[in-house]
Amino acid sequence: MQRDLWEQLNREIIGCRRCPRLVEWREQVARERRRAFADWEYWGKPVPGFGDTQARVLIVGLAPGAHGSNRTGRMFTGDSSGDFLYRALYEAGFASQPTANHQGDGLKLQDVFITAVCRCAPPDNRPLTEEILNCQPYLVQELRLLSQLEGIVALGRIAFERVQKILRPENPLLPFRHGAFYKPVDHLPWLLASYHPSRQNTQTGRLTPAMFAGIWQRVREELG
């Protein structure tokens, strides 16, 4: 039953055409391609979540990369952000291998599930508010289906704030800073904030491997 619900949700995500601007952009990128990936058949559709459906930790990013997930069809796969993320997850014991190249590369996740606020690659990596709201029901459903969920790692401010708006809509937004950890007094999941492992953040040193490793060390501590 649970597996059927996941499959139904993923079909809905992949078939979504709610946002004309994003549909046009993702399909244009898939047609024109980048020279380095000229021999690829791009995914060019919304990207569903990926990972362990019995996970205790949900990782929430912003949106697929135009030539990463929009090319490969799997979250954080095929670009520098994914390289940075999966190496850290591997070193922390959450991923079976440190690299993520394509859907058939054998990568498996343990105790984590990866998703995003927006499922289509947006121009300039900037989804509009209405586009995020169009995608929000998919994230809400994933939260419901993750029955073992204990905590959430939000990659970037937009993901951090969106998760709060879903789980605690009546509360003022908590401040974002790298490493900020919030454990609610109710039965909602704890929330851990991290800078997004974008190329801009990792190449400028705003987010270093040591800083990112600290995030996953904290996750391990919380999971016991």
N, C-alpha and C. Protein backbone atom coordinates (compact mmCIF):
# COMPACT_ATOMS: atom_id res chain seq x y z
N MET A 1 0.83 -1.21 0.00
CA MET A 1 0.00 0.00 0.00
C MET A 1 0.86 1.26 0.00
N GLN A 2 1.86 1.28 0.92
CA GLN A 2 2.75 2.43 1.01
C GLN A 2 3.53 2.61 -0.29
N ARG A 3 4.00 1.49 -0.84
CA ARG A 3 4.74 1.55 -2.10
C ARG A 3 3.86 2.10 -3.22
N ASP A 4 2.60 1.70 -3.23
CA ASP A 4 1.67 2.19 -4.25
C ASP A 4 1.48 3.70 -4.14
N LEU A 5 1.42 4.20 -2.91
CA LEU A 5 1.24 5.64 -2.70
C LEU A 5 2.46 6.41 -3.20
N TRP A 6 3.65 5.88 -2.95
CA TRP A 6 4.86 6.52 -3.46
C TRP A 6 4.88 6.53 -4.98
N GLU A 7 4.53 5.41 -5.58
CA GLU A 7 4.53 5.33 -7.04
C GLU A 7 3.51 6.29 -7.64
N GLN A 8 2.35 6.40 -7.02
CA GLN A 8 1.33 7.32 -7.50
C GLN A 8 1.81 8.76 -7.40
N LEU A 9 2.43 9.11 -6.27
CA LEU A 9 2.94 10.46 -6.09
C LEU A 9 4.00 10.78 -7.13
N ASN A 10 4.91 9.86 -7.36
CA ASN A 10 5.98 10.11 -8.33
C ASN A 10 5.43 10.27 -9.74
N ARG A 11 4.41 9.52 -10.08
CA ARG A 11 3.78 9.68 -11.39
C ARG A 11 3.17 11.08 -11.52
N GLU A 12 2.52 11.54 -10.46
CA GLU A 12 1.92 12.87 -10.48
C GLU A 12 2.98 13.95 -10.65
N ILE A 13 4.10 13.80 -9.94
CA ILE A 13 5.18 14.78 -10.04
C ILE A 13 5.74 14.81 -11.46
N ILE A 14 6.07 13.64 -12.00
CA ILE A 14 6.69 13.57 -13.32
C ILE A 14 5.78 14.12 -14.40
N GLY A 15 4.48 13.96 -14.24
CA GLY A 15 3.54 14.43 -15.25
C GLY A 15 3.06 15.85 -15.07
N CYS A 16 3.59 16.56 -14.07
CA CYS A 16 3.08 17.90 -13.74
C CYS A 16 3.45 18.93 -14.81
N ARG A 17 2.47 19.78 -15.16
CA ARG A 17 2.69 20.88 -16.10
C ARG A 17 2.00 22.14 -15.57
N ARG A 18 2.00 22.33 -14.26
CA ARG A 18 1.26 23.43 -13.64
C ARG A 18 1.87 24.81 -13.91
N CYS A 19 3.17 24.85 -14.17
CA CYS A 19 3.86 26.14 -14.28
C CYS A 19 4.38 26.33 -15.71
N PRO A 20 3.69 27.09 -16.55
CA PRO A 20 4.09 27.23 -17.96
C PRO A 20 5.52 27.72 -18.14
N ARG A 21 5.96 28.65 -17.32
CA ARG A 21 7.32 29.17 -17.46
C ARG A 21 8.35 28.05 -17.24
N LEU A 22 8.13 27.22 -16.24
CA LEU A 22 9.07 26.16 -15.94
C LEU A 22 9.01 25.03 -16.96
N VAL A 23 7.82 24.73 -17.43
CA VAL A 23 7.68 23.71 -18.48
C VAL A 23 8.47 24.12 -19.71
N GLU A 24 8.29 25.37 -20.11
CA GLU A 24 8.99 25.87 -21.30
C GLU A 24 10.50 25.82 -21.11
N TRP A 25 10.97 26.24 -19.95
CA TRP A 25 12.41 26.31 -19.70
C TRP A 25 13.04 24.92 -19.63
N ARG A 26 12.45 24.03 -18.85
CA ARG A 26 13.05 22.71 -18.67
C ARG A 26 13.10 21.97 -20.01
N GLU A 27 12.08 22.14 -20.84
CA GLU A 27 12.05 21.45 -22.13
C GLU A 27 13.00 22.10 -23.13
N GLN A 28 13.16 23.40 -23.05
CA GLN A 28 14.13 24.08 -23.91
C GLN A 28 15.54 23.63 -23.60
N VAL A 29 15.87 23.55 -22.30
CA VAL A 29 17.19 23.08 -21.89
C VAL A 29 17.43 21.65 -22.38
N ALA A 30 16.39 20.83 -22.29
CA ALA A 30 16.52 19.43 -22.71
C ALA A 30 16.72 19.30 -24.21
N ARG A 31 16.14 20.22 -24.97
CA ARG A 31 16.31 20.18 -26.42
C ARG A 31 17.68 20.70 -26.84
N GLU A 32 18.06 21.83 -26.27
CA GLU A 32 19.29 22.50 -26.72
C GLU A 32 20.55 21.88 -26.11
N ARG A 33 20.47 21.42 -24.90
CA ARG A 33 21.55 20.72 -24.21
C ARG A 33 22.82 21.57 -24.07
N ARG A 34 23.67 21.12 -23.22
CA ARG A 34 24.99 21.73 -23.08
C ARG A 34 25.97 20.89 -23.89
N ARG A 35 26.96 21.55 -24.47
CA ARG A 35 27.89 20.85 -25.37
C ARG A 35 28.51 19.62 -24.71
N ALA A 36 28.82 19.74 -23.43
CA ALA A 36 29.45 18.61 -22.72
C ALA A 36 28.53 17.41 -22.62
N PHE A 37 27.22 17.63 -22.76
CA PHE A 37 26.25 16.54 -22.63
C PHE A 37 25.44 16.38 -23.91
N ALA A 38 26.05 16.68 -25.03
CA ALA A 38 25.34 16.65 -26.32
C ALA A 38 24.81 15.27 -26.66
N ASP A 39 25.46 14.22 -26.14
CA ASP A 39 25.02 12.86 -26.47
C ASP A 39 24.01 12.31 -25.47
N TRP A 40 23.61 13.13 -24.49
CA TRP A 40 22.63 12.70 -23.50
C TRP A 40 21.21 12.93 -24.02
N GLU A 41 20.30 12.05 -23.64
CA GLU A 41 18.87 12.33 -23.80
C GLU A 41 18.40 12.88 -22.45
N TYR A 42 18.18 14.18 -22.40
CA TYR A 42 17.84 14.84 -21.14
C TYR A 42 16.49 14.34 -20.61
N TRP A 43 16.37 14.30 -19.30
CA TRP A 43 15.12 13.96 -18.62
C TRP A 43 14.05 14.99 -18.99
N GLY A 44 14.31 16.26 -18.70
CA GLY A 44 13.45 17.36 -19.13
C GLY A 44 12.05 17.37 -18.53
N LYS A 45 11.87 16.74 -17.38
CA LYS A 45 10.57 16.68 -16.70
C LYS A 45 10.76 17.02 -15.23
N PRO A 46 9.67 17.19 -14.46
CA PRO A 46 9.83 17.37 -13.02
C PRO A 46 10.54 16.16 -12.41
N VAL A 47 11.28 16.42 -11.33
CA VAL A 47 12.11 15.37 -10.72
C VAL A 47 11.49 14.93 -9.39
N PRO A 48 11.18 13.65 -9.24
CA PRO A 48 10.63 13.17 -7.97
C PRO A 48 11.70 13.04 -6.91
N GLY A 49 11.27 12.82 -5.67
CA GLY A 49 12.22 12.60 -4.59
C GLY A 49 12.97 11.29 -4.77
N PHE A 50 14.04 11.13 -4.01
CA PHE A 50 14.92 9.97 -4.16
C PHE A 50 15.47 9.56 -2.80
N GLY A 51 15.46 8.25 -2.54
CA GLY A 51 16.11 7.77 -1.34
C GLY A 51 15.32 6.69 -0.62
N ASP A 52 15.55 6.59 0.67
CA ASP A 52 14.98 5.58 1.54
C ASP A 52 13.59 6.04 2.00
N THR A 53 12.56 5.34 1.58
CA THR A 53 11.20 5.75 1.95
C THR A 53 10.88 5.43 3.42
N GLN A 54 11.79 4.75 4.10
CA GLN A 54 11.66 4.55 5.55
C GLN A 54 12.63 5.45 6.31
N ALA A 55 13.09 6.49 5.64
CA ALA A 55 14.12 7.38 6.20
C ALA A 55 13.64 8.10 7.46
N ARG A 56 14.60 8.34 8.35
CA ARG A 56 14.33 9.17 9.52
C ARG A 56 14.69 10.63 9.27
N VAL A 57 15.39 10.88 8.14
CA VAL A 57 15.84 12.25 7.83
C VAL A 57 15.43 12.62 6.41
N LEU A 58 14.84 13.78 6.28
CA LEU A 58 14.48 14.34 4.97
C LEU A 58 15.42 15.49 4.65
N ILE A 59 16.02 15.45 3.46
CA ILE A 59 16.87 16.54 2.98
C ILE A 59 16.08 17.32 1.94
N VAL A 60 15.96 18.63 2.14
CA VAL A 60 15.18 19.46 1.24
C VAL A 60 16.07 20.50 0.58
N GLY A 61 16.18 20.44 -0.76
CA GLY A 61 16.93 21.43 -1.51
C GLY A 61 16.00 22.45 -2.16
N LEU A 62 16.52 23.20 -3.11
CA LEU A 62 15.72 24.24 -3.76
C LEU A 62 15.02 23.72 -5.01
N ALA A 63 15.79 23.29 -6.02
CA ALA A 63 15.21 22.89 -7.29
C ALA A 63 16.25 22.13 -8.10
N PRO A 64 15.83 21.35 -9.09
CA PRO A 64 16.80 20.65 -9.95
C PRO A 64 17.69 21.61 -10.72
N GLY A 65 18.93 21.19 -10.93
CA GLY A 65 19.82 21.95 -11.78
C GLY A 65 19.49 21.72 -13.24
N ALA A 66 19.64 22.74 -14.06
CA ALA A 66 19.27 22.64 -15.47
C ALA A 66 20.00 21.51 -16.18
N HIS A 67 21.29 21.33 -15.86
CA HIS A 67 22.09 20.30 -16.53
C HIS A 67 22.49 19.20 -15.56
N GLY A 68 21.89 19.21 -14.36
CA GLY A 68 22.09 18.15 -13.39
C GLY A 68 20.86 17.25 -13.35
N SER A 69 19.98 17.50 -12.38
CA SER A 69 18.78 16.67 -12.24
C SER A 69 17.85 16.77 -13.45
N ASN A 70 17.80 17.93 -14.09
CA ASN A 70 16.96 18.07 -15.28
C ASN A 70 17.50 17.22 -16.44
N ARG A 71 18.77 16.87 -16.35
CA ARG A 71 19.38 15.99 -17.35
C ARG A 71 19.25 14.52 -16.96
N THR A 72 19.48 14.21 -15.68
CA THR A 72 19.56 12.82 -15.24
C THR A 72 18.25 12.28 -14.69
N GLY A 73 17.36 13.15 -14.21
CA GLY A 73 16.09 12.70 -13.66
C GLY A 73 16.15 12.24 -12.23
N ARG A 74 17.24 12.52 -11.52
CA ARG A 74 17.36 12.13 -10.11
C ARG A 74 17.91 13.30 -9.31
N MET A 75 17.37 13.50 -8.13
CA MET A 75 17.75 14.63 -7.29
C MET A 75 19.26 14.70 -7.07
N PHE A 76 19.81 15.90 -7.25
CA PHE A 76 21.22 16.20 -6.97
C PHE A 76 22.16 15.24 -7.72
N THR A 77 21.80 14.86 -8.92
CA THR A 77 22.63 13.91 -9.67
C THR A 77 23.13 14.54 -10.97
N GLY A 78 24.45 14.52 -11.13
CA GLY A 78 25.03 14.97 -12.38
C GLY A 78 25.58 16.37 -12.40
N ASP A 79 25.72 17.02 -11.22
CA ASP A 79 26.32 18.35 -11.21
C ASP A 79 27.15 18.52 -9.95
N SER A 80 27.78 19.69 -9.81
CA SER A 80 28.72 19.91 -8.70
C SER A 80 28.04 19.91 -7.34
N SER A 81 26.79 20.38 -7.28
CA SER A 81 26.07 20.35 -6.00
C SER A 81 25.89 18.92 -5.52
N GLY A 82 25.53 18.05 -6.45
CA GLY A 82 25.38 16.65 -6.09
C GLY A 82 26.70 16.01 -5.71
N ASP A 83 27.77 16.36 -6.42
CA ASP A 83 29.09 15.83 -6.07
C ASP A 83 29.42 16.15 -4.62
N PHE A 84 29.14 17.39 -4.22
CA PHE A 84 29.47 17.84 -2.86
C PHE A 84 28.57 17.14 -1.85
N LEU A 85 27.28 17.04 -2.17
CA LEU A 85 26.32 16.44 -1.24
C LEU A 85 26.57 14.95 -1.05
N TYR A 86 26.68 14.21 -2.14
CA TYR A 86 26.77 12.76 -2.00
C TYR A 86 28.08 12.31 -1.40
N ARG A 87 29.16 13.05 -1.64
CA ARG A 87 30.41 12.69 -0.97
C ARG A 87 30.27 12.84 0.54
N ALA A 88 29.61 13.91 0.98
CA ALA A 88 29.40 14.11 2.41
C ALA A 88 28.49 13.03 2.99
N LEU A 89 27.43 12.67 2.25
CA LEU A 89 26.53 11.61 2.73
C LEU A 89 27.24 10.27 2.80
N TYR A 90 28.09 10.00 1.82
CA TYR A 90 28.86 8.75 1.83
C TYR A 90 29.80 8.71 3.03
N GLU A 91 30.50 9.79 3.27
CA GLU A 91 31.45 9.83 4.38
C GLU A 91 30.74 9.72 5.73
N ALA A 92 29.47 10.14 5.79
CA ALA A 92 28.70 10.05 7.03
C ALA A 92 27.94 8.74 7.14
N GLY A 93 28.03 7.88 6.11
CA GLY A 93 27.40 6.58 6.17
C GLY A 93 25.96 6.53 5.70
N PHE A 94 25.52 7.57 4.99
CA PHE A 94 24.14 7.61 4.51
C PHE A 94 24.01 7.19 3.04
N ALA A 95 25.11 7.12 2.30
CA ALA A 95 25.07 6.79 0.87
C ALA A 95 26.03 5.64 0.58
N SER A 96 25.67 4.81 -0.38
CA SER A 96 26.47 3.62 -0.69
C SER A 96 27.73 3.94 -1.48
N GLN A 97 27.78 5.13 -2.08
CA GLN A 97 28.95 5.53 -2.87
C GLN A 97 29.05 7.05 -2.86
N PRO A 98 30.23 7.60 -3.15
CA PRO A 98 30.42 9.05 -3.05
C PRO A 98 30.04 9.83 -4.28
N THR A 99 29.63 9.14 -5.35
CA THR A 99 29.33 9.83 -6.60
C THR A 99 27.91 9.52 -7.06
N ALA A 100 27.35 10.45 -7.84
CA ALA A 100 26.01 10.28 -8.40
C ALA A 100 26.04 10.80 -9.83
N ASN A 101 26.06 9.88 -10.79
CA ASN A 101 26.22 10.27 -12.19
C ASN A 101 24.95 10.13 -13.02
N HIS A 102 24.20 9.06 -12.77
CA HIS A 102 22.97 8.81 -13.52
C HIS A 102 22.10 7.84 -12.74
N GLN A 103 20.86 7.65 -13.16
CA GLN A 103 19.92 6.84 -12.40
C GLN A 103 20.34 5.38 -12.25
N GLY A 104 21.12 4.86 -13.18
CA GLY A 104 21.52 3.47 -13.11
C GLY A 104 22.91 3.24 -12.54
N ASP A 105 23.42 4.18 -11.76
CA ASP A 105 24.80 4.06 -11.27
C ASP A 105 24.94 3.24 -9.99
N GLY A 106 23.85 2.72 -9.47
CA GLY A 106 23.92 1.86 -8.29
C GLY A 106 23.84 2.57 -6.95
N LEU A 107 23.73 3.87 -6.96
CA LEU A 107 23.67 4.63 -5.71
C LEU A 107 22.42 4.27 -4.91
N LYS A 108 22.61 4.00 -3.62
CA LYS A 108 21.50 3.77 -2.70
C LYS A 108 21.71 4.62 -1.46
N LEU A 109 20.61 5.09 -0.89
CA LEU A 109 20.66 5.89 0.32
C LEU A 109 20.07 5.11 1.49
N GLN A 110 20.63 5.33 2.67
CA GLN A 110 20.17 4.66 3.88
C GLN A 110 19.77 5.71 4.91
N ASP A 111 18.50 5.69 5.31
CA ASP A 111 17.98 6.54 6.37
C ASP A 111 17.80 8.01 5.97
N VAL A 112 18.01 8.33 4.70
CA VAL A 112 17.74 9.69 4.23
C VAL A 112 16.94 9.64 2.93
N PHE A 113 16.11 10.65 2.75
CA PHE A 113 15.33 10.83 1.53
C PHE A 113 15.56 12.25 1.07
N ILE A 114 15.81 12.45 -0.23
CA ILE A 114 16.16 13.76 -0.76
C ILE A 114 15.04 14.28 -1.65
N THR A 115 14.65 15.52 -1.42
CA THR A 115 13.61 16.14 -2.23
C THR A 115 13.96 17.62 -2.43
N ALA A 116 13.01 18.38 -2.97
CA ALA A 116 13.26 19.80 -3.21
C ALA A 116 11.95 20.57 -3.12
N VAL A 117 12.08 21.86 -2.90
CA VAL A 117 10.93 22.75 -2.83
C VAL A 117 10.24 22.83 -4.18
N CYS A 118 11.04 22.91 -5.25
CA CYS A 118 10.52 23.03 -6.62
C CYS A 118 11.07 21.86 -7.44
N ARG A 119 10.23 21.23 -8.27
CA ARG A 119 10.63 20.00 -8.96
C ARG A 119 11.12 20.21 -10.38
N CYS A 120 10.99 21.43 -10.89
CA CYS A 120 11.47 21.74 -12.24
C CYS A 120 12.65 22.71 -12.16
N ALA A 121 13.57 22.56 -13.08
CA ALA A 121 14.69 23.50 -13.15
C ALA A 121 14.18 24.89 -13.51
N PRO A 122 14.43 25.90 -12.67
CA PRO A 122 13.97 27.26 -12.97
C PRO A 122 15.06 28.09 -13.64
N PRO A 123 14.69 29.03 -14.48
CA PRO A 123 15.69 29.94 -15.06
C PRO A 123 16.46 30.66 -13.95
N ASP A 124 17.77 30.72 -14.09
CA ASP A 124 18.65 31.40 -13.12
C ASP A 124 18.54 30.81 -11.72
N ASN A 125 18.06 29.57 -11.61
CA ASN A 125 17.90 28.90 -10.31
C ASN A 125 16.99 29.68 -9.36
N ARG A 126 16.01 30.38 -9.91
CA ARG A 126 15.12 31.21 -9.09
C ARG A 126 13.66 30.93 -9.39
N PRO A 127 13.07 29.97 -8.70
CA PRO A 127 11.63 29.75 -8.89
C PRO A 127 10.83 30.91 -8.32
N LEU A 128 9.70 31.21 -8.95
CA LEU A 128 8.80 32.24 -8.44
C LEU A 128 7.98 31.68 -7.28
N THR A 129 7.46 32.60 -6.45
CA THR A 129 6.69 32.16 -5.29
C THR A 129 5.51 31.30 -5.69
N GLU A 130 4.80 31.70 -6.74
CA GLU A 130 3.63 30.91 -7.17
C GLU A 130 4.04 29.53 -7.68
N GLU A 131 5.25 29.43 -8.24
CA GLU A 131 5.74 28.13 -8.70
C GLU A 131 6.06 27.22 -7.51
N ILE A 132 6.64 27.81 -6.47
CA ILE A 132 6.91 27.05 -5.25
C ILE A 132 5.61 26.57 -4.63
N LEU A 133 4.60 27.43 -4.61
CA LEU A 133 3.31 27.05 -4.05
C LEU A 133 2.63 25.96 -4.88
N ASN A 134 2.80 26.01 -6.20
CA ASN A 134 2.26 24.94 -7.05
C ASN A 134 2.89 23.59 -6.71
N CYS A 135 4.15 23.60 -6.34
CA CYS A 135 4.88 22.37 -6.02
C CYS A 135 4.66 21.91 -4.57
N GLN A 136 4.23 22.79 -3.73
CA GLN A 136 4.18 22.50 -2.30
C GLN A 136 3.38 21.23 -1.95
N PRO A 137 2.25 20.95 -2.61
CA PRO A 137 1.52 19.72 -2.25
C PRO A 137 2.35 18.44 -2.38
N TYR A 138 3.31 18.43 -3.28
CA TYR A 138 4.16 17.24 -3.42
C TYR A 138 5.05 17.06 -2.20
N LEU A 139 5.62 18.15 -1.71
CA LEU A 139 6.45 18.08 -0.51
C LEU A 139 5.60 17.71 0.71
N VAL A 140 4.40 18.26 0.80
CA VAL A 140 3.49 17.93 1.90
C VAL A 140 3.20 16.43 1.90
N GLN A 141 2.94 15.87 0.72
CA GLN A 141 2.62 14.45 0.64
C GLN A 141 3.83 13.59 1.01
N GLU A 142 5.03 14.00 0.62
CA GLU A 142 6.23 13.26 1.01
C GLU A 142 6.40 13.26 2.52
N LEU A 143 6.14 14.39 3.14
CA LEU A 143 6.22 14.47 4.60
C LEU A 143 5.24 13.51 5.25
N ARG A 144 4.06 13.38 4.68
CA ARG A 144 3.07 12.45 5.23
C ARG A 144 3.47 11.00 5.05
N LEU A 145 4.08 10.70 3.91
CA LEU A 145 4.44 9.32 3.62
C LEU A 145 5.68 8.85 4.36
N LEU A 146 6.53 9.78 4.79
CA LEU A 146 7.74 9.41 5.53
C LEU A 146 7.36 9.16 6.99
N SER A 147 6.85 7.97 7.25
CA SER A 147 6.25 7.67 8.56
C SER A 147 7.27 7.55 9.68
N GLN A 148 8.55 7.36 9.35
CA GLN A 148 9.60 7.23 10.37
C GLN A 148 10.37 8.54 10.58
N LEU A 149 9.89 9.61 9.99
CA LEU A 149 10.65 10.87 9.97
C LEU A 149 10.90 11.43 11.37
N GLU A 150 12.17 11.79 11.62
CA GLU A 150 12.55 12.42 12.89
C GLU A 150 13.06 13.84 12.69
N GLY A 151 13.71 14.10 11.55
CA GLY A 151 14.29 15.42 11.36
C GLY A 151 14.42 15.80 9.90
N ILE A 152 14.65 17.09 9.68
CA ILE A 152 14.76 17.66 8.34
C ILE A 152 16.03 18.50 8.25
N VAL A 153 16.80 18.29 7.19
CA VAL A 153 17.94 19.14 6.87
C VAL A 153 17.55 20.01 5.70
N ALA A 154 17.52 21.32 5.91
CA ALA A 154 17.13 22.26 4.87
C ALA A 154 18.39 22.87 4.26
N LEU A 155 18.55 22.69 2.95
CA LEU A 155 19.72 23.21 2.24
C LEU A 155 19.38 24.57 1.65
N GLY A 156 19.73 25.63 2.35
CA GLY A 156 19.46 26.98 1.89
C GLY A 156 18.26 27.62 2.57
N ARG A 157 18.22 28.93 2.50
CA ARG A 157 17.18 29.69 3.21
C ARG A 157 15.78 29.40 2.69
N ILE A 158 15.62 29.29 1.37
CA ILE A 158 14.27 29.09 0.83
C ILE A 158 13.69 27.77 1.33
N ALA A 159 14.48 26.71 1.28
CA ALA A 159 14.02 25.42 1.78
C ALA A 159 13.73 25.50 3.28
N PHE A 160 14.60 26.16 4.01
CA PHE A 160 14.45 26.30 5.46
C PHE A 160 13.13 27.00 5.81
N GLU A 161 12.83 28.06 5.10
CA GLU A 161 11.61 28.81 5.39
C GLU A 161 10.37 28.08 4.88
N ARG A 162 10.47 27.41 3.74
CA ARG A 162 9.31 26.71 3.20
C ARG A 162 8.88 25.56 4.10
N VAL A 163 9.84 24.83 4.64
CA VAL A 163 9.51 23.74 5.56
C VAL A 163 8.77 24.28 6.78
N GLN A 164 9.22 25.41 7.29
CA GLN A 164 8.54 26.00 8.44
C GLN A 164 7.11 26.42 8.10
N LYS A 165 6.92 26.99 6.92
CA LYS A 165 5.59 27.43 6.52
C LYS A 165 4.63 26.26 6.37
N ILE A 166 5.16 25.09 6.04
CA ILE A 166 4.34 23.89 5.93
C ILE A 166 4.02 23.32 7.31
N LEU A 167 5.05 23.17 8.14
CA LEU A 167 4.88 22.48 9.42
C LEU A 167 4.36 23.38 10.54
N ARG A 168 4.74 24.65 10.49
CA ARG A 168 4.37 25.57 11.57
C ARG A 168 3.84 26.88 10.98
N PRO A 169 2.73 26.81 10.23
CA PRO A 169 2.26 27.99 9.49
C PRO A 169 1.85 29.17 10.36
N GLU A 170 1.52 28.92 11.62
CA GLU A 170 1.08 30.00 12.51
C GLU A 170 2.24 30.65 13.25
N ASN A 171 3.41 30.07 13.17
CA ASN A 171 4.55 30.56 13.94
C ASN A 171 5.41 31.52 13.13
N PRO A 172 6.06 32.49 13.78
CA PRO A 172 7.02 33.34 13.07
C PRO A 172 8.21 32.50 12.59
N LEU A 173 8.81 32.93 11.48
CA LEU A 173 9.92 32.17 10.92
C LEU A 173 11.14 32.23 11.84
N LEU A 174 11.76 31.09 12.03
CA LEU A 174 13.00 31.03 12.80
C LEU A 174 14.15 31.57 11.95
N PRO A 175 15.16 32.17 12.56
CA PRO A 175 16.26 32.74 11.78
C PRO A 175 17.13 31.67 11.14
N PHE A 176 17.55 31.95 9.90
CA PHE A 176 18.41 31.04 9.17
C PHE A 176 19.87 31.38 9.38
N ARG A 177 20.65 30.39 9.70
CA ARG A 177 22.11 30.48 9.69
C ARG A 177 22.65 29.07 9.55
N HIS A 178 23.80 28.94 8.98
CA HIS A 178 24.38 27.61 8.79
C HIS A 178 24.59 26.94 10.15
N GLY A 179 24.09 25.72 10.27
CA GLY A 179 24.24 24.96 11.50
C GLY A 179 23.17 25.21 12.54
N ALA A 180 22.24 26.13 12.26
CA ALA A 180 21.17 26.39 13.23
C ALA A 180 20.32 25.14 13.39
N PHE A 181 20.05 24.79 14.64
CA PHE A 181 19.28 23.58 14.95
C PHE A 181 18.10 23.93 15.84
N TYR A 182 16.94 23.43 15.46
CA TYR A 182 15.72 23.74 16.21
C TYR A 182 14.98 22.44 16.50
N LYS A 183 14.75 22.19 17.77
CA LYS A 183 14.03 20.99 18.18
C LYS A 183 12.73 21.43 18.84
N PRO A 184 11.59 21.20 18.20
CA PRO A 184 10.31 21.67 18.74
C PRO A 184 9.90 20.88 19.98
N VAL A 185 9.06 21.49 20.77
CA VAL A 185 8.57 20.83 21.99
C VAL A 185 7.43 19.86 21.65
N ASP A 186 6.83 20.02 20.48
CA ASP A 186 5.75 19.12 20.08
C ASP A 186 6.35 17.89 19.37
N HIS A 187 5.57 17.19 18.61
CA HIS A 187 6.04 15.97 17.97
C HIS A 187 6.47 16.18 16.52
N LEU A 188 6.66 17.42 16.13
CA LEU A 188 7.12 17.71 14.78
C LEU A 188 8.61 17.39 14.65
N PRO A 189 9.10 17.19 13.43
CA PRO A 189 10.52 16.87 13.24
C PRO A 189 11.41 18.04 13.64
N TRP A 190 12.62 17.71 14.09
CA TRP A 190 13.61 18.76 14.32
C TRP A 190 14.06 19.31 12.95
N LEU A 191 14.66 20.50 12.99
CA LEU A 191 15.04 21.19 11.77
C LEU A 191 16.48 21.69 11.88
N LEU A 192 17.30 21.32 10.89
CA LEU A 192 18.71 21.72 10.86
C LEU A 192 18.98 22.47 9.56
N ALA A 193 19.58 23.65 9.68
CA ALA A 193 19.82 24.51 8.52
C ALA A 193 21.26 24.38 8.03
N SER A 194 21.41 24.39 6.71
CA SER A 194 22.74 24.38 6.10
C SER A 194 22.74 25.31 4.89
N TYR A 195 23.91 25.87 4.61
CA TYR A 195 24.06 26.54 3.33
C TYR A 195 23.86 25.49 2.23
N HIS A 196 23.33 25.93 1.11
CA HIS A 196 23.14 25.02 -0.02
C HIS A 196 24.49 24.70 -0.65
N PRO A 197 24.72 23.44 -1.05
CA PRO A 197 26.01 23.09 -1.66
C PRO A 197 26.10 23.48 -3.13
N SER A 198 25.68 24.68 -3.43
CA SER A 198 25.77 25.19 -4.80
C SER A 198 27.22 25.46 -5.16
N ARG A 199 27.49 25.50 -6.45
CA ARG A 199 28.85 25.82 -6.90
C ARG A 199 29.31 27.17 -6.35
N GLN A 200 28.40 28.14 -6.34
CA GLN A 200 28.75 29.47 -5.84
C GLN A 200 29.20 29.40 -4.38
N ASN A 201 28.51 28.63 -3.56
CA ASN A 201 28.86 28.54 -2.14
C ASN A 201 30.12 27.72 -1.90
N THR A 202 30.28 26.62 -2.64
CA THR A 202 31.42 25.74 -2.37
C THR A 202 32.71 26.27 -2.97
N GLN A 203 32.64 26.93 -4.13
CA GLN A 203 33.86 27.44 -4.75
C GLN A 203 34.37 28.71 -4.09
N THR A 204 33.49 29.45 -3.45
CA THR A 204 33.91 30.66 -2.75
C THR A 204 34.33 30.39 -1.32
N GLY A 205 34.11 29.15 -0.84
CA GLY A 205 34.47 28.83 0.53
C GLY A 205 33.42 29.20 1.55
N ARG A 206 32.29 29.68 1.09
CA ARG A 206 31.20 29.96 2.05
C ARG A 206 30.75 28.67 2.72
N LEU A 207 30.76 27.58 1.95
CA LEU A 207 30.48 26.26 2.51
C LEU A 207 31.66 25.36 2.20
N THR A 208 32.38 24.94 3.23
CA THR A 208 33.55 24.07 3.07
C THR A 208 33.17 22.62 3.37
N PRO A 209 33.98 21.66 2.92
CA PRO A 209 33.70 20.27 3.26
C PRO A 209 33.60 20.04 4.77
N ALA A 210 34.45 20.72 5.54
CA ALA A 210 34.40 20.56 6.99
C ALA A 210 33.10 21.09 7.57
N MET A 211 32.64 22.23 7.07
CA MET A 211 31.37 22.78 7.54
C MET A 211 30.22 21.84 7.22
N PHE A 212 30.24 21.27 6.03
CA PHE A 212 29.16 20.38 5.61
C PHE A 212 29.22 19.07 6.39
N ALA A 213 30.43 18.58 6.64
CA ALA A 213 30.58 17.36 7.44
C ALA A 213 29.99 17.55 8.83
N GLY A 214 30.11 18.77 9.35
CA GLY A 214 29.56 19.06 10.66
C GLY A 214 28.04 18.91 10.70
N ILE A 215 27.40 19.23 9.59
CA ILE A 215 25.94 19.07 9.50
C ILE A 215 25.57 17.60 9.67
N TRP A 216 26.26 16.73 8.95
CA TRP A 216 25.90 15.30 8.99
C TRP A 216 26.35 14.63 10.26
N GLN A 217 27.38 15.16 10.89
CA GLN A 217 27.75 14.68 12.21
C GLN A 217 26.64 14.99 13.22
N ARG A 218 26.07 16.20 13.11
CA ARG A 218 24.96 16.57 13.99
C ARG A 218 23.75 15.67 13.74
N VAL A 219 23.49 15.36 12.48
CA VAL A 219 22.38 14.45 12.16
C VAL A 219 22.60 13.10 12.83
N ARG A 220 23.81 12.57 12.72
CA ARG A 220 24.12 11.29 13.35
C ARG A 220 23.90 11.35 14.86
N GLU A 221 24.31 12.44 15.47
CA GLU A 221 24.11 12.58 16.91
C GLU A 221 22.64 12.57 17.28
N GLU A 222 21.84 13.25 16.49
CA GLU A 222 20.39 13.31 16.78
C GLU A 222 19.72 11.95 16.57
N LEU A 223 20.20 11.19 15.61
CA LEU A 223 19.63 9.87 15.36
C LEU A 223 20.08 8.84 16.39
N GLY A 224 21.16 9.17 17.10
CA GLY A 224 21.65 8.25 18.11
C GLY A 224 22.37 7.06 17.53
